[in-house]
Amino acid sequence: MMENNDKLLEDFFTANRQEIADNGFTHHVMRRLPDRSERLARIWTALCFTLAIVLFVALDGIELIGNTLRETFNGLLESAAQADPQSLLITGLVLLFFLYRKIASLA
C-alpha cells in the first residue's frame, strides 16, 4: 500500500512539474549569506582583543600609563613657569577639542 502511494505521488509530481522563474533570486540570496571568512575574522579579532587586555593587565599596563601621565603632568608644571599663558591656552583648547571629537565618535 505504501509503495503504491509513493509511486502515485512520484507520478503526479513528475507529470505536473513546473519551472518557476528565478529572476536572480538565488544569486541575491547567496550574496547576502554571511561569508565564512567574515565569521573567522570576527572570532580572531575577539581572541586577539582578549589576549591584549589580559597582557595589558598582567604586565601592569595601568600602572605604567599612570606613571607616564604623572611624569608628563609634573614636567608640564615645571615647564609652565617658562611657557607663556597664550600657548598653554591654545594647547588646552586643542586637547579639549580632540577629547570632544573622540567622545563624539564613540557615541
N, C-alpha and C. Protein backbone atom coordinates (compact mmCIF):
# COMPACT_ATOMS: atom_id res chain seq x y z
N MET A 1 0.82 -1.19 0.00
CA MET A 1 0.00 0.00 0.00
C MET A 1 0.88 1.26 0.00
N MET A 2 1.91 1.28 0.85
CA MET A 2 2.77 2.45 0.96
C MET A 2 3.56 2.67 -0.32
N GLU A 3 4.02 1.58 -0.94
CA GLU A 3 4.76 1.68 -2.18
C GLU A 3 3.86 2.22 -3.30
N ASN A 4 2.59 1.82 -3.28
CA ASN A 4 1.64 2.29 -4.28
C ASN A 4 1.42 3.80 -4.14
N ASN A 5 1.29 4.29 -2.88
CA ASN A 5 1.12 5.73 -2.64
C ASN A 5 2.36 6.50 -3.09
N ASP A 6 3.53 5.95 -2.78
CA ASP A 6 4.77 6.61 -3.21
C ASP A 6 4.85 6.69 -4.72
N LYS A 7 4.47 5.62 -5.39
CA LYS A 7 4.50 5.60 -6.85
C LYS A 7 3.50 6.59 -7.43
N LEU A 8 2.31 6.68 -6.83
CA LEU A 8 1.30 7.63 -7.29
C LEU A 8 1.78 9.08 -7.12
N LEU A 9 2.36 9.36 -5.96
CA LEU A 9 2.89 10.71 -5.70
C LEU A 9 4.01 11.06 -6.68
N GLU A 10 4.91 10.12 -6.89
CA GLU A 10 6.01 10.37 -7.81
C GLU A 10 5.51 10.62 -9.22
N ASP A 11 4.54 9.82 -9.66
CA ASP A 11 3.96 10.03 -11.00
C ASP A 11 3.26 11.38 -11.10
N PHE A 12 2.55 11.74 -10.04
CA PHE A 12 1.82 13.01 -10.05
C PHE A 12 2.79 14.20 -10.16
N PHE A 13 3.82 14.19 -9.33
CA PHE A 13 4.76 15.30 -9.35
C PHE A 13 5.59 15.33 -10.63
N THR A 14 5.88 14.18 -11.20
CA THR A 14 6.61 14.15 -12.47
C THR A 14 5.75 14.73 -13.59
N ALA A 15 4.47 14.39 -13.59
CA ALA A 15 3.58 14.87 -14.65
C ALA A 15 3.26 16.35 -14.50
N ASN A 16 3.26 16.86 -13.30
CA ASN A 16 2.87 18.25 -13.05
C ASN A 16 4.05 19.16 -12.68
N ARG A 17 5.23 18.79 -13.10
CA ARG A 17 6.42 19.59 -12.78
C ARG A 17 6.36 20.92 -13.51
N GLN A 18 6.64 22.00 -12.77
CA GLN A 18 6.64 23.35 -13.35
C GLN A 18 7.95 24.04 -12.96
N GLU A 19 8.53 24.72 -13.90
CA GLU A 19 9.71 25.52 -13.63
C GLU A 19 9.26 26.92 -13.24
N ILE A 20 9.79 27.41 -12.14
CA ILE A 20 9.46 28.74 -11.66
C ILE A 20 10.61 29.67 -12.00
N ALA A 21 10.30 30.82 -12.54
CA ALA A 21 11.33 31.78 -12.93
C ALA A 21 12.07 32.28 -11.70
N ASP A 22 13.38 32.23 -11.77
CA ASP A 22 14.23 32.62 -10.65
C ASP A 22 14.41 34.14 -10.58
N ASN A 23 14.57 34.78 -11.70
CA ASN A 23 14.75 36.24 -11.80
C ASN A 23 15.87 36.77 -10.90
N GLY A 24 16.94 35.99 -10.74
CA GLY A 24 18.08 36.44 -9.95
C GLY A 24 17.92 36.28 -8.45
N PHE A 25 16.84 35.62 -8.00
CA PHE A 25 16.59 35.47 -6.57
C PHE A 25 17.70 34.68 -5.88
N THR A 26 18.10 33.56 -6.49
CA THR A 26 19.12 32.71 -5.88
C THR A 26 20.44 33.47 -5.75
N HIS A 27 20.81 34.19 -6.77
CA HIS A 27 22.06 34.97 -6.72
C HIS A 27 21.99 36.02 -5.62
N HIS A 28 20.86 36.67 -5.48
CA HIS A 28 20.68 37.70 -4.45
C HIS A 28 20.79 37.10 -3.04
N VAL A 29 20.17 35.95 -2.84
CA VAL A 29 20.23 35.29 -1.53
C VAL A 29 21.66 34.84 -1.23
N MET A 30 22.34 34.30 -2.20
CA MET A 30 23.71 33.82 -1.98
C MET A 30 24.66 34.97 -1.63
N ARG A 31 24.42 36.14 -2.20
CA ARG A 31 25.27 37.30 -1.87
C ARG A 31 25.03 37.79 -0.45
N ARG A 32 23.82 37.59 0.07
CA ARG A 32 23.51 38.07 1.41
C ARG A 32 23.91 37.11 2.53
N LEU A 33 24.24 35.87 2.19
CA LEU A 33 24.65 34.92 3.21
C LEU A 33 25.99 35.34 3.80
N PRO A 34 26.17 35.16 5.11
CA PRO A 34 27.46 35.56 5.71
C PRO A 34 28.59 34.68 5.19
N ASP A 35 29.68 35.31 4.96
CA ASP A 35 30.86 34.61 4.47
C ASP A 35 31.57 33.94 5.63
N ARG A 36 32.10 32.75 5.40
CA ARG A 36 32.79 32.01 6.45
C ARG A 36 34.02 32.76 6.94
N SER A 37 34.72 33.40 6.02
CA SER A 37 35.93 34.13 6.41
C SER A 37 35.59 35.32 7.29
N GLU A 38 34.41 35.92 7.10
CA GLU A 38 34.00 37.04 7.95
C GLU A 38 33.79 36.57 9.39
N ARG A 39 33.18 35.41 9.55
CA ARG A 39 32.99 34.87 10.91
C ARG A 39 34.33 34.55 11.55
N LEU A 40 35.25 33.97 10.78
CA LEU A 40 36.57 33.66 11.33
C LEU A 40 37.32 34.93 11.70
N ALA A 41 37.16 35.98 10.92
CA ALA A 41 37.82 37.25 11.23
C ALA A 41 37.28 37.83 12.53
N ARG A 42 35.97 37.73 12.75
CA ARG A 42 35.39 38.23 14.00
C ARG A 42 35.88 37.44 15.20
N ILE A 43 35.95 36.12 15.06
CA ILE A 43 36.45 35.29 16.16
C ILE A 43 37.91 35.62 16.45
N TRP A 44 38.71 35.74 15.38
CA TRP A 44 40.13 36.06 15.54
C TRP A 44 40.31 37.43 16.22
N THR A 45 39.50 38.40 15.84
CA THR A 45 39.57 39.73 16.44
C THR A 45 39.23 39.67 17.92
N ALA A 46 38.19 38.92 18.28
CA ALA A 46 37.80 38.80 19.68
C ALA A 46 38.90 38.13 20.50
N LEU A 47 39.51 37.09 19.95
CA LEU A 47 40.59 36.41 20.67
C LEU A 47 41.80 37.33 20.86
N CYS A 48 42.17 38.06 19.83
CA CYS A 48 43.33 38.97 19.94
C CYS A 48 43.05 40.10 20.92
N PHE A 49 41.83 40.63 20.88
CA PHE A 49 41.46 41.70 21.80
C PHE A 49 41.50 41.20 23.25
N THR A 50 40.99 40.00 23.48
CA THR A 50 41.02 39.42 24.83
C THR A 50 42.46 39.20 25.29
N LEU A 51 43.30 38.69 24.41
CA LEU A 51 44.71 38.48 24.75
C LEU A 51 45.40 39.81 25.06
N ALA A 52 45.09 40.85 24.30
CA ALA A 52 45.70 42.16 24.54
C ALA A 52 45.30 42.70 25.91
N ILE A 53 44.04 42.53 26.30
CA ILE A 53 43.58 43.01 27.61
C ILE A 53 44.26 42.23 28.72
N VAL A 54 44.35 40.91 28.56
CA VAL A 54 45.00 40.08 29.58
C VAL A 54 46.46 40.48 29.74
N LEU A 55 47.17 40.66 28.62
CA LEU A 55 48.58 41.07 28.70
C LEU A 55 48.73 42.47 29.28
N PHE A 56 47.83 43.38 28.95
CA PHE A 56 47.88 44.74 29.49
C PHE A 56 47.77 44.72 31.01
N VAL A 57 46.84 43.92 31.52
CA VAL A 57 46.65 43.84 32.98
C VAL A 57 47.80 43.08 33.63
N ALA A 58 48.24 41.97 33.00
CA ALA A 58 49.30 41.14 33.58
C ALA A 58 50.64 41.87 33.62
N LEU A 59 50.90 42.73 32.66
CA LEU A 59 52.18 43.44 32.60
C LEU A 59 52.11 44.82 33.22
N ASP A 60 51.11 45.06 34.07
CA ASP A 60 50.95 46.32 34.81
C ASP A 60 50.85 47.53 33.88
N GLY A 61 50.07 47.41 32.84
CA GLY A 61 49.89 48.50 31.89
C GLY A 61 49.22 49.70 32.52
N ILE A 62 48.29 49.46 33.45
CA ILE A 62 47.59 50.56 34.11
C ILE A 62 48.58 51.40 34.92
N GLU A 63 49.47 50.71 35.64
CA GLU A 63 50.47 51.43 36.44
C GLU A 63 51.44 52.21 35.55
N LEU A 64 51.84 51.61 34.43
CA LEU A 64 52.76 52.29 33.51
C LEU A 64 52.13 53.54 32.91
N ILE A 65 50.87 53.45 32.54
CA ILE A 65 50.19 54.62 32.00
C ILE A 65 50.04 55.69 33.07
N GLY A 66 49.71 55.29 34.29
CA GLY A 66 49.60 56.24 35.39
C GLY A 66 50.92 56.96 35.65
N ASN A 67 52.01 56.21 35.67
CA ASN A 67 53.33 56.82 35.89
C ASN A 67 53.69 57.78 34.76
N THR A 68 53.39 57.39 33.53
CA THR A 68 53.70 58.25 32.39
C THR A 68 52.91 59.55 32.45
N LEU A 69 51.61 59.44 32.75
CA LEU A 69 50.79 60.64 32.88
C LEU A 69 51.26 61.53 34.02
N ARG A 70 51.66 60.92 35.13
CA ARG A 70 52.15 61.70 36.28
C ARG A 70 53.43 62.44 35.92
N GLU A 71 54.36 61.74 35.25
CA GLU A 71 55.61 62.39 34.85
C GLU A 71 55.36 63.50 33.84
N THR A 72 54.45 63.26 32.92
CA THR A 72 54.12 64.28 31.93
C THR A 72 53.52 65.51 32.60
N PHE A 73 52.60 65.28 33.51
CA PHE A 73 51.97 66.40 34.21
C PHE A 73 52.98 67.16 35.05
N ASN A 74 53.85 66.45 35.76
CA ASN A 74 54.89 67.11 36.55
C ASN A 74 55.84 67.91 35.66
N GLY A 75 56.22 67.34 34.52
CA GLY A 75 57.09 68.07 33.59
C GLY A 75 56.41 69.30 33.04
N LEU A 76 55.11 69.19 32.78
CA LEU A 76 54.35 70.34 32.29
C LEU A 76 54.30 71.44 33.35
N LEU A 77 54.08 71.05 34.60
CA LEU A 77 54.03 72.05 35.67
C LEU A 77 55.39 72.73 35.85
N GLU A 78 56.46 71.97 35.71
CA GLU A 78 57.79 72.54 35.86
C GLU A 78 58.11 73.49 34.71
N SER A 79 57.67 73.14 33.51
CA SER A 79 57.99 73.98 32.36
C SER A 79 56.94 75.07 32.15
N ALA A 80 55.83 75.04 32.90
CA ALA A 80 54.78 76.04 32.74
C ALA A 80 55.27 77.42 33.16
N ALA A 81 56.21 77.46 34.07
CA ALA A 81 56.74 78.74 34.51
C ALA A 81 57.49 79.42 33.36
N GLN A 82 58.04 78.62 32.46
CA GLN A 82 58.80 79.17 31.34
C GLN A 82 57.91 79.46 30.13
N ALA A 83 56.76 78.81 30.02
CA ALA A 83 55.89 78.96 28.85
C ALA A 83 54.97 80.16 29.03
N ASP A 84 54.59 80.76 27.92
CA ASP A 84 53.67 81.89 28.01
C ASP A 84 52.24 81.36 28.11
N PRO A 85 51.35 82.09 28.79
CA PRO A 85 49.98 81.63 29.01
C PRO A 85 49.17 81.44 27.73
N GLN A 86 49.46 82.23 26.70
CA GLN A 86 48.70 82.11 25.46
C GLN A 86 48.92 80.74 24.81
N SER A 87 50.15 80.26 24.76
CA SER A 87 50.42 78.95 24.15
C SER A 87 49.80 77.83 24.99
N LEU A 88 49.82 77.98 26.32
CA LEU A 88 49.17 76.97 27.18
C LEU A 88 47.67 76.95 26.94
N LEU A 89 47.05 78.10 26.76
CA LEU A 89 45.62 78.17 26.49
C LEU A 89 45.28 77.52 25.15
N ILE A 90 46.06 77.80 24.13
CA ILE A 90 45.82 77.20 22.82
C ILE A 90 46.00 75.68 22.88
N THR A 91 47.04 75.24 23.58
CA THR A 91 47.27 73.81 23.73
C THR A 91 46.10 73.14 24.45
N GLY A 92 45.62 73.75 25.51
CA GLY A 92 44.49 73.21 26.24
C GLY A 92 43.22 73.14 25.40
N LEU A 93 42.98 74.19 24.62
CA LEU A 93 41.79 74.19 23.75
C LEU A 93 41.88 73.11 22.68
N VAL A 94 43.05 72.92 22.11
CA VAL A 94 43.22 71.88 21.09
C VAL A 94 43.01 70.50 21.71
N LEU A 95 43.56 70.28 22.89
CA LEU A 95 43.37 68.99 23.57
C LEU A 95 41.91 68.76 23.92
N LEU A 96 41.20 69.78 24.38
CA LEU A 96 39.78 69.65 24.67
C LEU A 96 38.99 69.35 23.40
N PHE A 97 39.36 69.98 22.29
CA PHE A 97 38.68 69.72 21.02
C PHE A 97 38.87 68.26 20.60
N PHE A 98 40.11 67.75 20.70
CA PHE A 98 40.36 66.35 20.34
C PHE A 98 39.62 65.39 21.28
N LEU A 99 39.56 65.72 22.55
CA LEU A 99 38.82 64.90 23.51
C LEU A 99 37.34 64.87 23.15
N TYR A 100 36.77 66.03 22.82
CA TYR A 100 35.36 66.10 22.43
C TYR A 100 35.10 65.27 21.18
N ARG A 101 35.97 65.38 20.18
CA ARG A 101 35.80 64.62 18.93
C ARG A 101 35.86 63.13 19.18
N LYS A 102 36.77 62.70 20.06
CA LYS A 102 36.90 61.28 20.36
C LYS A 102 35.65 60.77 21.06
N ILE A 103 35.15 61.50 22.03
CA ILE A 103 33.94 61.09 22.75
C ILE A 103 32.74 61.09 21.81
N ALA A 104 32.66 62.07 20.93
CA ALA A 104 31.54 62.14 19.98
C ALA A 104 31.59 60.98 18.99
N SER A 105 32.78 60.54 18.61
CA SER A 105 32.88 59.43 17.66
C SER A 105 32.51 58.10 18.30
N LEU A 106 32.62 58.00 19.61
CA LEU A 106 32.27 56.74 20.30
C LEU A 106 30.77 56.60 20.48
N ALA A 107 30.06 57.71 20.48
CA ALA A 107 28.61 57.67 20.72
C ALA A 107 27.85 57.16 19.52
